[in-house]
Amino acid sequence: MEGKLYLVPTPIGNLEDITFRAVRLLKEVDLILAEDTRTTAFLLKHYDITTPMASHHKFNEHQKVKKVVERLEAGQTIALVSDAGTPSISDPGFLLVRLATQQGVEVECLPGATAFVPALVNSGLPSDRFCFEGFLPQKKGRQSRLERLATEERTMIFYESPFRLLKALEQFIEVFGAERKASVSREISKKFEQTCRGTLQELKNHFTEVPPKGEFVIVVAGMEK
């Protein structure tokens, strides 16, 4: 028997944002690896999925990937899910995929929810060419990373928490300029989904008056030629 690793995107908010194939595979695989089993249990219960789970997160993935690949090589089918969105996109998954492919294990990533795609499309900024930066380093390397992006001509996409949103906008103003066009999306696909558009300065002013809540995607226009 040949094992197979499936990377299965899960909803980033609305539980309806999952494909029929994803639900079927989560029912059929031998094991589901979950970033947080408590979060995934809520999704599995909603879709009446009783497949066994095991935890696989950033704090244990280095220790677990070898044993997971051994199970795949023994013929098991395993699905990897993150708390929300697509595994390996600012979430655990890369180390497992790398080792599995190196060992010749078949890997398949299903299409599905990823927060930055709707944020980019909703921004109104050019979406034909873009660079995804995800979460910037919180301390060491943060400023140098931004400075390297100062002349980036493609649309840039960042993830940020509500606690660092204002600080991030302040840093963007310092590096990219107060008049650089941008958008900030929050709670994508959820009840209080919202996208604010304007200059970096206008966005900073807005979130100074309206305290940030939720998970954020910041989209910043590239430098004009």
C-alpha atoms as a PDB file:
ATOM      1  CA  MET A   1       0.000   0.000   0.000  1.00  0.00           C
ATOM      2  CA  GLU A   2       1.095   3.544  -0.718  1.00  0.00           C
ATOM      3  CA  GLY A   3       0.364   6.211   1.839  1.00  0.00           C
ATOM      4  CA  LYS A   4      -0.563   9.757   0.949  1.00  0.00           C
ATOM      5  CA  LEU A   5      -0.466  13.115   2.700  1.00  0.00           C
ATOM      6  CA  TYR A   6      -3.345  15.498   2.086  1.00  0.00           C
ATOM      7  CA  LEU A   7      -3.145  19.181   2.997  1.00  0.00           C
ATOM      8  CA  VAL A   8      -6.733  20.200   3.601  1.00  0.00           C
ATOM      9  CA  PRO A   9      -7.729  23.887   3.878  1.00  0.00           C
ATOM     10  CA  THR A  10     -10.319  24.620   6.550  1.00  0.00           C
ATOM     11  CA  PRO A  11     -12.701  27.599   6.868  1.00  0.00           C
ATOM     12  CA  ILE A  12     -11.203  30.882   8.052  1.00  0.00           C
ATOM     13  CA  GLY A  13     -14.531  31.921   9.524  1.00  0.00           C
ATOM     14  CA  ASN A  14     -17.733  30.733   7.912  1.00  0.00           C
ATOM     15  CA  LEU A  15     -18.008  26.950   8.330  1.00  0.00           C
ATOM     16  CA  GLU A  16     -19.668  26.678   4.902  1.00  0.00           C
ATOM     17  CA  ASP A  17     -16.362  27.619   3.252  1.00  0.00           C
ATOM     18  CA  ILE A  18     -15.109  24.060   2.899  1.00  0.00           C
ATOM     19  CA  THR A  19     -15.314  21.876  -0.191  1.00  0.00           C
ATOM     20  CA  PHE A  20     -17.304  18.669  -0.517  1.00  0.00           C
ATOM     21  CA  ARG A  21     -14.062  16.846  -1.351  1.00  0.00           C
ATOM     22  CA  ALA A  22     -12.366  18.167   1.782  1.00  0.00           C
ATOM     23  CA  VAL A  23     -15.197  16.841   3.968  1.00  0.00           C
ATOM     24  CA  ARG A  24     -15.115  13.473   2.204  1.00  0.00           C
ATOM     25  CA  LEU A  25     -11.356  13.097   2.575  1.00  0.00           C
ATOM     26  CA  LEU A  26     -11.427  14.065   6.239  1.00  0.00           C
ATOM     27  CA  LYS A  27     -13.893  11.209   6.727  1.00  0.00           C
ATOM     28  CA  GLU A  28     -11.861   8.707   4.694  1.00  0.00           C
ATOM     29  CA  VAL A  29      -8.254   9.233   5.864  1.00  0.00           C
ATOM     30  CA  ASP A  30      -6.715   7.157   8.634  1.00  0.00           C
ATOM     31  CA  LEU A  31      -5.626  10.158  10.703  1.00  0.00           C
ATOM     32  CA  ILE A  32      -6.077  13.931  10.880  1.00  0.00           C
ATOM     33  CA  LEU A  33      -3.153  16.031  12.099  1.00  0.00           C
ATOM     34  CA  ALA A  34      -4.520  19.233  13.611  1.00  0.00           C
ATOM     35  CA  GLU A  35      -2.801  22.425  14.729  1.00  0.00           C
ATOM     36  CA  ASP A  36      -5.218  22.600  17.676  1.00  0.00           C
ATOM     37  CA  THR A  37      -7.352  19.505  18.189  1.00  0.00           C
ATOM     38  CA  ARG A  38      -9.925  21.492  20.171  1.00  0.00           C
ATOM     39  CA  THR A  39     -10.499  23.916  17.300  1.00  0.00           C
ATOM     40  CA  THR A  40     -10.608  21.152  14.695  1.00  0.00           C
ATOM     41  CA  ALA A  41     -12.958  19.069  16.867  1.00  0.00           C
ATOM     42  CA  PHE A  42     -15.580  21.807  16.498  1.00  0.00           C
ATOM     43  CA  LEU A  43     -15.322  21.592  12.688  1.00  0.00           C
ATOM     44  CA  LEU A  44     -15.363  17.788  12.659  1.00  0.00           C
ATOM     45  CA  LYS A  45     -18.427  17.662  14.890  1.00  0.00           C
ATOM     46  CA  HIS A  46     -20.225  20.105  12.600  1.00  0.00           C
ATOM     47  CA  TYR A  47     -19.694  17.768   9.629  1.00  0.00           C
ATOM     48  CA  ASP A  48     -20.115  14.510  11.578  1.00  0.00           C
ATOM     49  CA  ILE A  49     -16.494  13.444  11.011  1.00  0.00           C
ATOM     50  CA  THR A  50     -15.200  10.842  13.471  1.00  0.00           C
ATOM     51  CA  THR A  51     -11.671  10.294  12.138  1.00  0.00           C
ATOM     52  CA  PRO A  52      -8.995  10.081  14.877  1.00  0.00           C
ATOM     53  CA  MET A  53      -6.910  13.211  15.473  1.00  0.00           C
ATOM     54  CA  ALA A  54      -3.401  13.997  16.691  1.00  0.00           C
ATOM     55  CA  SER A  55      -1.795  17.374  17.366  1.00  0.00           C
ATOM     56  CA  HIS A  56       0.738  18.819  14.929  1.00  0.00           C
ATOM     57  CA  HIS A  57       1.773  22.396  15.659  1.00  0.00           C
ATOM     58  CA  LYS A  58       4.813  24.660  15.550  1.00  0.00           C
ATOM     59  CA  PHE A  59       5.983  23.546  18.980  1.00  0.00           C
ATOM     60  CA  ASN A  60       6.128  19.823  18.189  1.00  0.00           C
ATOM     61  CA  GLU A  61       6.422  19.502  14.404  1.00  0.00           C
ATOM     62  CA  HIS A  62      10.224  19.168  14.443  1.00  0.00           C
ATOM     63  CA  GLN A  63       9.905  16.133  16.706  1.00  0.00           C
ATOM     64  CA  LYS A  64       6.919  14.544  14.962  1.00  0.00           C
ATOM     65  CA  VAL A  65       7.580  14.805  11.221  1.00  0.00           C
ATOM     66  CA  LYS A  66       9.805  11.712  11.013  1.00  0.00           C
ATOM     67  CA  LYS A  67       7.250   9.465  12.733  1.00  0.00           C
ATOM     68  CA  VAL A  68       4.431  10.881  10.593  1.00  0.00           C
ATOM     69  CA  VAL A  69       6.378  10.137   7.408  1.00  0.00           C
ATOM     70  CA  GLU A  70       7.061   6.612   8.669  1.00  0.00           C
ATOM     71  CA  ARG A  71       3.306   6.094   9.009  1.00  0.00           C
ATOM     72  CA  LEU A  72       2.807   7.410   5.477  1.00  0.00           C
ATOM     73  CA  GLU A  73       5.490   5.073   4.162  1.00  0.00           C
ATOM     74  CA  ALA A  74       3.691   2.203   5.916  1.00  0.00           C
ATOM     75  CA  GLY A  75       0.611   2.925   3.802  1.00  0.00           C
ATOM     76  CA  GLN A  76      -1.515   5.223   5.938  1.00  0.00           C
ATOM     77  CA  THR A  77      -3.402   8.189   4.526  1.00  0.00           C
ATOM     78  CA  ILE A  78      -3.090  11.326   6.637  1.00  0.00           C
ATOM     79  CA  ALA A  79      -4.715  14.759   6.375  1.00  0.00           C
ATOM     80  CA  LEU A  80      -3.018  17.850   7.767  1.00  0.00           C
ATOM     81  CA  VAL A  81      -5.198  20.808   8.762  1.00  0.00           C
ATOM     82  CA  SER A  82      -4.455  24.112  10.475  1.00  0.00           C
ATOM     83  CA  ASP A  83      -6.820  26.053  12.720  1.00  0.00           C
ATOM     84  CA  ALA A  84      -7.996  28.052   9.713  1.00  0.00           C
ATOM     85  CA  GLY A  85      -6.936  28.369   6.102  1.00  0.00           C
ATOM     86  CA  THR A  86      -4.365  26.373   4.173  1.00  0.00           C
ATOM     87  CA  PRO A  87      -1.621  24.463   6.018  1.00  0.00           C
ATOM     88  CA  SER A  88       1.931  25.761   5.469  1.00  0.00           C
ATOM     89  CA  ILE A  89       0.722  29.315   4.676  1.00  0.00           C
ATOM     90  CA  SER A  90       1.833  31.091   7.877  1.00  0.00           C
ATOM     91  CA  ASP A  91       0.934  27.832   9.624  1.00  0.00           C
ATOM     92  CA  PRO A  92       2.695  24.500  10.295  1.00  0.00           C
ATOM     93  CA  GLY A  93       3.103  22.153   7.353  1.00  0.00           C
ATOM     94  CA  PHE A  94       6.268  22.999   5.449  1.00  0.00           C
ATOM     95  CA  LEU A  95       8.574  20.674   7.407  1.00  0.00           C
ATOM     96  CA  LEU A  96       6.246  17.709   6.970  1.00  0.00           C
ATOM     97  CA  VAL A  97       5.714  18.345   3.260  1.00  0.00           C
ATOM     98  CA  ARG A  98       9.454  18.720   2.675  1.00  0.00           C
ATOM     99  CA  LEU A  99      10.360  15.440   4.390  1.00  0.00           C
ATOM    100  CA  ALA A 100       7.451  13.563   2.813  1.00  0.00           C
ATOM    101  CA  THR A 101       8.430  14.650  -0.698  1.00  0.00           C
ATOM    102  CA  GLN A 102      12.094  13.875  -0.014  1.00  0.00           C
ATOM    103  CA  GLN A 103      11.076  10.342   0.980  1.00  0.00           C
ATOM    104  CA  GLY A 104       8.953   9.909  -2.127  1.00  0.00           C
ATOM    105  CA  VAL A 105       5.593  10.072  -0.350  1.00  0.00           C
ATOM    106  CA  GLU A 106       2.763  11.418  -2.476  1.00  0.00           C
ATOM    107  CA  VAL A 107       1.493  14.805  -1.297  1.00  0.00           C
ATOM    108  CA  GLU A 108      -1.642  16.621  -2.451  1.00  0.00           C
ATOM    109  CA  CYS A 109      -2.885  20.046  -1.381  1.00  0.00           C
ATOM    110  CA  LEU A 110      -6.573  20.675  -1.903  1.00  0.00           C
ATOM    111  CA  PRO A 111      -7.728  24.124  -3.052  1.00  0.00           C
ATOM    112  CA  GLY A 112      -9.565  26.135  -0.455  1.00  0.00           C
ATOM    113  CA  ALA A 113      -9.694  28.995   1.992  1.00  0.00           C
ATOM    114  CA  THR A 114      -6.712  31.321   2.412  1.00  0.00           C
ATOM    115  CA  ALA A 115      -7.206  34.738   4.019  1.00  0.00           C
ATOM    116  CA  PHE A 116      -4.876  36.757   1.798  1.00  0.00           C
ATOM    117  CA  VAL A 117      -6.689  36.019  -1.488  1.00  0.00           C
ATOM    118  CA  PRO A 118     -10.029  37.716  -0.685  1.00  0.00           C
ATOM    119  CA  ALA A 119      -8.157  40.536   1.079  1.00  0.00           C
ATOM    120  CA  LEU A 120      -6.058  41.150  -2.030  1.00  0.00           C
ATOM    121  CA  VAL A 121      -9.013  41.049  -4.402  1.00  0.00           C
ATOM    122  CA  ASN A 122     -11.141  43.277  -2.124  1.00  0.00           C
ATOM    123  CA  SER A 123      -8.351  45.848  -1.764  1.00  0.00           C
ATOM    124  CA  GLY A 124      -8.818  47.333  -5.208  1.00  0.00           C
ATOM    125  CA  LEU A 125      -5.029  47.329  -5.620  1.00  0.00           C
ATOM    126  CA  PRO A 126      -3.278  45.527  -8.499  1.00  0.00           C
ATOM    127  CA  SER A 127      -3.613  41.767  -8.038  1.00  0.00           C
ATOM    128  CA  ASP A 128      -1.861  40.526 -11.164  1.00  0.00           C
ATOM    129  CA  ARG A 129       1.542  40.581  -9.429  1.00  0.00           C
ATOM    130  CA  PHE A 130       2.001  40.512  -5.664  1.00  0.00           C
ATOM    131  CA  CYS A 131       4.313  39.299  -2.897  1.00  0.00           C
ATOM    132  CA  PHE A 132       3.061  37.578   0.230  1.00  0.00           C
ATOM    133  CA  GLU A 133       5.058  38.474   3.355  1.00  0.00           C
ATOM    134  CA  GLY A 134       2.788  36.902   5.981  1.00  0.00           C
ATOM    135  CA  PHE A 135       3.699  37.839   9.545  1.00  0.00           C
ATOM    136  CA  LEU A 136       6.726  40.112   9.800  1.00  0.00           C
ATOM    137  CA  PRO A 137       9.298  39.306  12.499  1.00  0.00           C
ATOM    138  CA  GLN A 138       8.083  40.818  15.757  1.00  0.00           C
ATOM    139  CA  LYS A 139      11.482  42.186  16.757  1.00  0.00           C
ATOM    140  CA  LYS A 140      14.785  41.102  15.241  1.00  0.00           C
ATOM    141  CA  GLY A 141      14.870  41.603  11.506  1.00  0.00           C
ATOM    142  CA  ARG A 142      11.569  43.454  11.241  1.00  0.00           C
ATOM    143  CA  GLN A 143      13.003  46.845  10.239  1.00  0.00           C
ATOM    144  CA  SER A 144      15.499  45.384   7.789  1.00  0.00           C
ATOM    145  CA  ARG A 145      12.768  43.307   6.155  1.00  0.00           C
ATOM    146  CA  LEU A 146      10.642  46.422   5.650  1.00  0.00           C
ATOM    147  CA  GLU A 147      13.570  48.403   4.301  1.00  0.00           C
ATOM    148  CA  ARG A 148      14.189  45.694   1.690  1.00  0.00           C
ATOM    149  CA  LEU A 149      10.573  46.125   0.601  1.00  0.00           C
ATOM    150  CA  ALA A 150      10.829  49.912   0.266  1.00  0.00           C
ATOM    151  CA  THR A 151      11.355  49.674  -3.511  1.00  0.00           C
ATOM    152  CA  GLU A 152       9.082  46.659  -4.104  1.00  0.00           C
ATOM    153  CA  GLU A 153       6.851  47.391  -7.117  1.00  0.00           C
ATOM    154  CA  ARG A 154       4.412  44.530  -6.565  1.00  0.00           C
ATOM    155  CA  THR A 155       1.422  44.720  -4.232  1.00  0.00           C
ATOM    156  CA  MET A 156       2.483  43.522  -0.768  1.00  0.00           C
ATOM    157  CA  ILE A 157       0.432  41.409   1.627  1.00  0.00           C
ATOM    158  CA  PHE A 158       0.977  41.151   5.385  1.00  0.00           C
ATOM    159  CA  TYR A 159      -0.749  39.367   8.259  1.00  0.00           C
ATOM    160  CA  GLU A 160      -1.015  41.195  11.576  1.00  0.00           C
ATOM    161  CA  SER A 161      -2.629  40.813  14.981  1.00  0.00           C
ATOM    162  CA  PRO A 162      -4.937  43.493  16.449  1.00  0.00           C
ATOM    163  CA  PHE A 163      -2.344  44.213  19.144  1.00  0.00           C
ATOM    164  CA  ARG A 164       0.340  45.248  16.627  1.00  0.00           C
ATOM    165  CA  LEU A 165      -1.800  46.722  13.841  1.00  0.00           C
ATOM    166  CA  LEU A 166      -1.241  50.392  14.725  1.00  0.00           C
ATOM    167  CA  LYS A 167       2.483  49.851  15.238  1.00  0.00           C
ATOM    168  CA  ALA A 168       2.674  48.129  11.862  1.00  0.00           C
ATOM    169  CA  LEU A 169       0.882  50.991  10.119  1.00  0.00           C
ATOM    170  CA  GLU A 170       3.255  53.482  11.780  1.00  0.00           C
ATOM    171  CA  GLN A 171       6.261  51.522  10.522  1.00  0.00           C
ATOM    172  CA  PHE A 172       4.761  51.261   7.040  1.00  0.00           C
ATOM    173  CA  ILE A 173       4.340  55.045   6.982  1.00  0.00           C
ATOM    174  CA  GLU A 174       8.003  55.492   7.914  1.00  0.00           C
ATOM    175  CA  VAL A 175       9.196  53.138   5.169  1.00  0.00           C
ATOM    176  CA  PHE A 176       6.628  53.477   2.377  1.00  0.00           C
ATOM    177  CA  GLY A 177       5.336  57.014   2.999  1.00  0.00           C
ATOM    178  CA  ALA A 178       2.101  58.301   4.469  1.00  0.00           C
ATOM    179  CA  GLU A 179       0.404  58.646   1.070  1.00  0.00           C
ATOM    180  CA  ARG A 180       0.977  55.052  -0.060  1.00  0.00           C
ATOM    181  CA  LYS A 181      -2.340  53.376  -0.916  1.00  0.00           C
ATOM    182  CA  ALA A 182      -3.347  50.386   1.198  1.00  0.00           C
ATOM    183  CA  SER A 183      -6.258  48.408   2.574  1.00  0.00           C
ATOM    184  CA  VAL A 184      -6.887  46.611   5.839  1.00  0.00           C
ATOM    185  CA  SER A 185      -9.281  43.644   5.968  1.00  0.00           C
ATOM    186  CA  ARG A 186     -10.449  41.999   9.163  1.00  0.00           C
ATOM    187  CA  GLU A 187     -12.557  38.991  10.141  1.00  0.00           C
ATOM    188  CA  ILE A 188     -12.736  37.722   6.554  1.00  0.00           C
ATOM    189  CA  SER A 189     -15.846  35.566   5.925  1.00  0.00           C
ATOM    190  CA  LYS A 190     -17.093  36.204   9.471  1.00  0.00           C
ATOM    191  CA  LYS A 191     -20.086  38.222  10.696  1.00  0.00           C
ATOM    192  CA  PHE A 192     -18.132  41.445  11.214  1.00  0.00           C
ATOM    193  CA  GLU A 193     -16.001  41.251   8.064  1.00  0.00           C
ATOM    194  CA  GLN A 194     -14.749  44.675   7.007  1.00  0.00           C
ATOM    195  CA  THR A 195     -12.280  46.178   4.538  1.00  0.00           C
ATOM    196  CA  CYS A 196     -10.992  49.741   4.964  1.00  0.00           C
ATOM    197  CA  ARG A 197      -9.184  51.424   2.067  1.00  0.00           C
ATOM    198  CA  GLY A 198      -7.166  54.625   1.823  1.00  0.00           C
ATOM    199  CA  THR A 199      -3.676  55.928   2.389  1.00  0.00           C
ATOM    200  CA  LEU A 200      -1.551  54.479   5.161  1.00  0.00           C
ATOM    201  CA  GLN A 201      -2.052  57.675   7.123  1.00  0.00           C
ATOM    202  CA  GLU A 202      -5.834  57.547   6.704  1.00  0.00           C
ATOM    203  CA  LEU A 203      -5.865  53.918   7.846  1.00  0.00           C
ATOM    204  CA  LYS A 204      -3.731  54.741  10.878  1.00  0.00           C
ATOM    205  CA  ASN A 205      -6.089  57.599  11.773  1.00  0.00           C
ATOM    206  CA  HIS A 206      -9.103  55.290  11.434  1.00  0.00           C
ATOM    207  CA  PHE A 207      -7.748  52.542  13.665  1.00  0.00           C
ATOM    208  CA  THR A 208      -6.552  55.092  16.192  1.00  0.00           C
ATOM    209  CA  GLU A 209     -10.191  56.130  16.595  1.00  0.00           C
ATOM    210  CA  VAL A 210     -11.637  52.623  16.209  1.00  0.00           C
ATOM    211  CA  PRO A 211      -9.713  50.086  18.317  1.00  0.00           C
ATOM    212  CA  PRO A 212      -8.626  47.109  16.164  1.00  0.00           C
ATOM    213  CA  LYS A 213     -10.420  43.821  16.778  1.00  0.00           C
ATOM    214  CA  GLY A 214     -10.056  40.517  14.963  1.00  0.00           C
ATOM    215  CA  GLU A 215      -7.429  39.074  12.639  1.00  0.00           C
ATOM    216  CA  PHE A 216      -6.039  41.427   9.995  1.00  0.00           C
ATOM    217  CA  VAL A 217      -4.653  41.307   6.479  1.00  0.00           C
ATOM    218  CA  ILE A 218      -2.860  44.458   5.314  1.00  0.00           C
ATOM    219  CA  VAL A 219      -2.447  45.015   1.585  1.00  0.00           C
ATOM    220  CA  VAL A 220      -0.032  47.752   0.524  1.00  0.00           C
ATOM    221  CA  ALA A 221       0.458  49.120  -2.975  1.00  0.00           C
ATOM    222  CA  GLY A 222       3.854  48.651  -4.514  1.00  0.00           C
ATOM    223  CA  MET A 223       6.136  51.573  -5.341  1.00  0.00           C
ATOM    224  CA  GLU A 224       5.072  53.307  -8.520  1.00  0.00           C
ATOM    225  CA  LYS A 225       7.557  53.111 -11.395  1.00  0.00           C
END
